[in-house]
C-alpha atoms as a PDB file:
ATOM      1  CA  MET A   1      -0.755  -1.559 -22.782  1.00  0.00           C
ATOM      2  CA  ALA A   2      -1.885  -2.293 -18.281  1.00  0.00           C
ATOM      3  CA  VAL A   3       0.156   0.156 -15.985  1.00  0.00           C
ATOM      4  CA  LYS A   4       2.200  -2.570 -14.020  1.00  0.00           C
ATOM      5  CA  PHE A   5       4.345  -0.488 -11.712  1.00  0.00           C
ATOM      6  CA  PHE A   6       4.506   2.900 -10.433  1.00  0.00           C
ATOM      7  CA  VAL A   7       7.196   5.563 -10.661  1.00  0.00           C
ATOM      8  CA  HIS A   8       6.977   8.799  -7.706  1.00  0.00           C
ATOM      9  CA  HIS A   9       9.520  10.572  -8.719  1.00  0.00           C
ATOM     10  CA  GLU A  10      10.912  11.080 -12.298  1.00  0.00           C
ATOM     11  CA  LYS A  11      14.156  10.705 -11.029  1.00  0.00           C
ATOM     12  CA  ASP A  12      13.908   6.993  -8.659  1.00  0.00           C
ATOM     13  CA  THR A  13      15.930   4.471 -10.046  1.00  0.00           C
ATOM     14  CA  VAL A  14      13.637   1.822  -9.397  1.00  0.00           C
ATOM     15  CA  GLY A  15       9.257   1.516  -9.510  1.00  0.00           C
ATOM     16  CA  VAL A  16       7.030  -0.047  -7.123  1.00  0.00           C
ATOM     17  CA  ALA A  17       4.881  -3.219  -8.531  1.00  0.00           C
ATOM     18  CA  VAL A  18       1.212  -2.897  -8.619  1.00  0.00           C
ATOM     19  CA  ALA A  19       0.572  -6.459  -9.912  1.00  0.00           C
ATOM     20  CA  ASP A  20       2.659  -9.755 -10.028  1.00  0.00           C
ATOM     21  CA  ILE A  21       5.551  -9.387 -12.688  1.00  0.00           C
ATOM     22  CA  LYS A  22       6.970 -11.790 -14.685  1.00  0.00           C
ATOM     23  CA  ALA A  23      10.371 -12.703 -15.505  1.00  0.00           C
ATOM     24  CA  GLY A  24      10.580 -12.149 -19.753  1.00  0.00           C
ATOM     25  CA  GLU A  25       7.778  -9.665 -19.094  1.00  0.00           C
ATOM     26  CA  THR A  26       7.855  -6.280 -21.023  1.00  0.00           C
ATOM     27  CA  VAL A  27       5.962  -3.714 -18.188  1.00  0.00           C
ATOM     28  CA  THR A  28       5.020  -0.157 -18.663  1.00  0.00           C
ATOM     29  CA  GLY A  29       4.932   2.235 -15.811  1.00  0.00           C
ATOM     30  CA  TRP A  30       3.534   5.460 -14.982  1.00  0.00           C
ATOM     31  CA  VAL A  31       5.570   8.369 -12.962  1.00  0.00           C
ATOM     32  CA  MET A  32       3.376   9.541 -10.997  1.00  0.00           C
ATOM     33  CA  ASP A  33       5.065  13.138 -10.988  1.00  0.00           C
ATOM     34  CA  ASN A  34       5.528  13.842 -14.421  1.00  0.00           C
ATOM     35  CA  ASP A  35       2.577  11.702 -15.812  1.00  0.00           C
ATOM     36  CA  ASN A  36       5.298  10.145 -17.889  1.00  0.00           C
ATOM     37  CA  GLU A  37       5.266   6.304 -18.908  1.00  0.00           C
ATOM     38  CA  VAL A  38       8.593   4.145 -18.602  1.00  0.00           C
ATOM     39  CA  THR A  39       9.505   0.398 -20.299  1.00  0.00           C
ATOM     40  CA  VAL A  40      11.087  -2.535 -18.517  1.00  0.00           C
ATOM     41  CA  THR A  41      11.809  -6.160 -19.346  1.00  0.00           C
ATOM     42  CA  ALA A  42      11.858  -7.759 -15.804  1.00  0.00           C
ATOM     43  CA  LEU A  43      14.846  -9.681 -15.335  1.00  0.00           C
ATOM     44  CA  ASN A  44      13.352 -11.421 -12.498  1.00  0.00           C
ATOM     45  CA  ASP A  45       9.713 -12.230 -10.934  1.00  0.00           C
ATOM     46  CA  ILE A  46       8.880  -9.320  -9.522  1.00  0.00           C
ATOM     47  CA  PRO A  47       5.786  -9.508  -6.817  1.00  0.00           C
ATOM     48  CA  LEU A  48       3.746  -6.884  -5.605  1.00  0.00           C
ATOM     49  CA  GLY A  49       4.599  -4.269  -3.398  1.00  0.00           C
ATOM     50  CA  HIS A  50       8.051  -4.484  -4.244  1.00  0.00           C
ATOM     51  CA  LYS A  51      11.111  -2.561  -6.856  1.00  0.00           C
ATOM     52  CA  ILE A  52      11.749  -3.116 -10.087  1.00  0.00           C
ATOM     53  CA  ALA A  53      15.501  -1.476 -11.392  1.00  0.00           C
ATOM     54  CA  LEU A  54      14.465   0.631 -13.741  1.00  0.00           C
ATOM     55  CA  CYS A  55      18.288   1.921 -14.306  1.00  0.00           C
ATOM     56  CA  ASP A  56      21.621  -0.454 -14.041  1.00  0.00           C
ATOM     57  CA  ILE A  57      22.441   0.212 -10.926  1.00  0.00           C
ATOM     58  CA  ALA A  58      26.614  -0.772  -9.412  1.00  0.00           C
ATOM     59  CA  ALA A  59      27.449  -2.309  -6.053  1.00  0.00           C
ATOM     60  CA  GLY A  60      27.873   0.501  -3.494  1.00  0.00           C
ATOM     61  CA  ASP A  61      25.161   3.051  -5.363  1.00  0.00           C
ATOM     62  CA  THR A  62      22.138   4.889  -4.102  1.00  0.00           C
ATOM     63  CA  VAL A  63      18.791   3.922  -4.928  1.00  0.00           C
ATOM     64  CA  ILE A  64      16.428   6.528  -5.619  1.00  0.00           C
ATOM     65  CA  LYS A  65      12.038   6.060  -4.769  1.00  0.00           C
ATOM     66  CA  TYR A  66      10.682   8.682  -4.347  1.00  0.00           C
ATOM     67  CA  GLY A  67      12.973  10.942  -4.943  1.00  0.00           C
ATOM     68  CA  GLU A  68      15.101  10.577  -1.977  1.00  0.00           C
ATOM     69  CA  SER A  69      17.699   7.793  -1.168  1.00  0.00           C
ATOM     70  CA  ILE A  70      16.099   5.180  -0.119  1.00  0.00           C
ATOM     71  CA  GLY A  71      19.936   2.900   0.686  1.00  0.00           C
ATOM     72  CA  LYS A  72      22.828   1.490  -1.246  1.00  0.00           C
ATOM     73  CA  SER A  73      22.686  -1.730  -3.158  1.00  0.00           C
ATOM     74  CA  THR A  74      25.042  -4.453  -2.208  1.00  0.00           C
ATOM     75  CA  GLN A  75      25.501  -5.457  -5.869  1.00  0.00           C
ATOM     76  CA  ALA A  76      25.076  -5.122  -8.890  1.00  0.00           C
ATOM     77  CA  ILE A  77      21.344  -4.503 -10.029  1.00  0.00           C
ATOM     78  CA  LYS A  78      20.124  -4.417 -14.391  1.00  0.00           C
ATOM     79  CA  LYS A  79      17.803  -2.790 -15.291  1.00  0.00           C
ATOM     80  CA  GLY A  80      14.700  -5.119 -15.035  1.00  0.00           C
ATOM     81  CA  GLU A  81      15.880  -6.350 -12.223  1.00  0.00           C
ATOM     82  CA  HIS A  82      13.883  -7.377  -8.141  1.00  0.00           C
ATOM     83  CA  VAL A  83      14.782  -5.154  -6.360  1.00  0.00           C
ATOM     84  CA  HIS A  84      14.961  -5.772  -2.502  1.00  0.00           C
ATOM     85  CA  ILE A  85      16.258  -6.926   0.597  1.00  0.00           C
ATOM     86  CA  HIS A  86      18.614  -9.518  -1.232  1.00  0.00           C
ATOM     87  CA  ASN A  87      20.257  -6.349  -2.664  1.00  0.00           C
ATOM     88  CA  LEU A  88      19.114  -3.415  -0.810  1.00  0.00           C
ATOM     89  CA  LYS A  89      20.817  -2.131   2.470  1.00  0.00           C
ATOM     90  CA  THR A  90      19.395   0.608   4.117  1.00  0.00           C
ATOM     91  CA  VAL A  91      22.065   3.469   5.499  1.00  0.00           C
ATOM     92  CA  ARG A  92      20.725   4.112   8.418  1.00  0.00           C
ATOM     93  CA  TRP A  93      21.991   0.503  10.002  1.00  0.00           C
END
């Protein structure tokens, strides 16, 4: 099975698509810091470069990428959903 997304850190709650992902597709991701793989079924189309949720994320929860906070969810996000500006807000402003 080809890798469709990268996870930068084992504590990340999102992965980054390295190829377009179609809704309903079960995809494999590579966890870069420990060389493991993770599998997720996409609930939405996820374009190249966008994020996929690796777990359920409650509204207001911190979203983790690179092992660090990249912002807060503005609504509940289910495992496999597209994560982008429609449901994620930076905490910088």
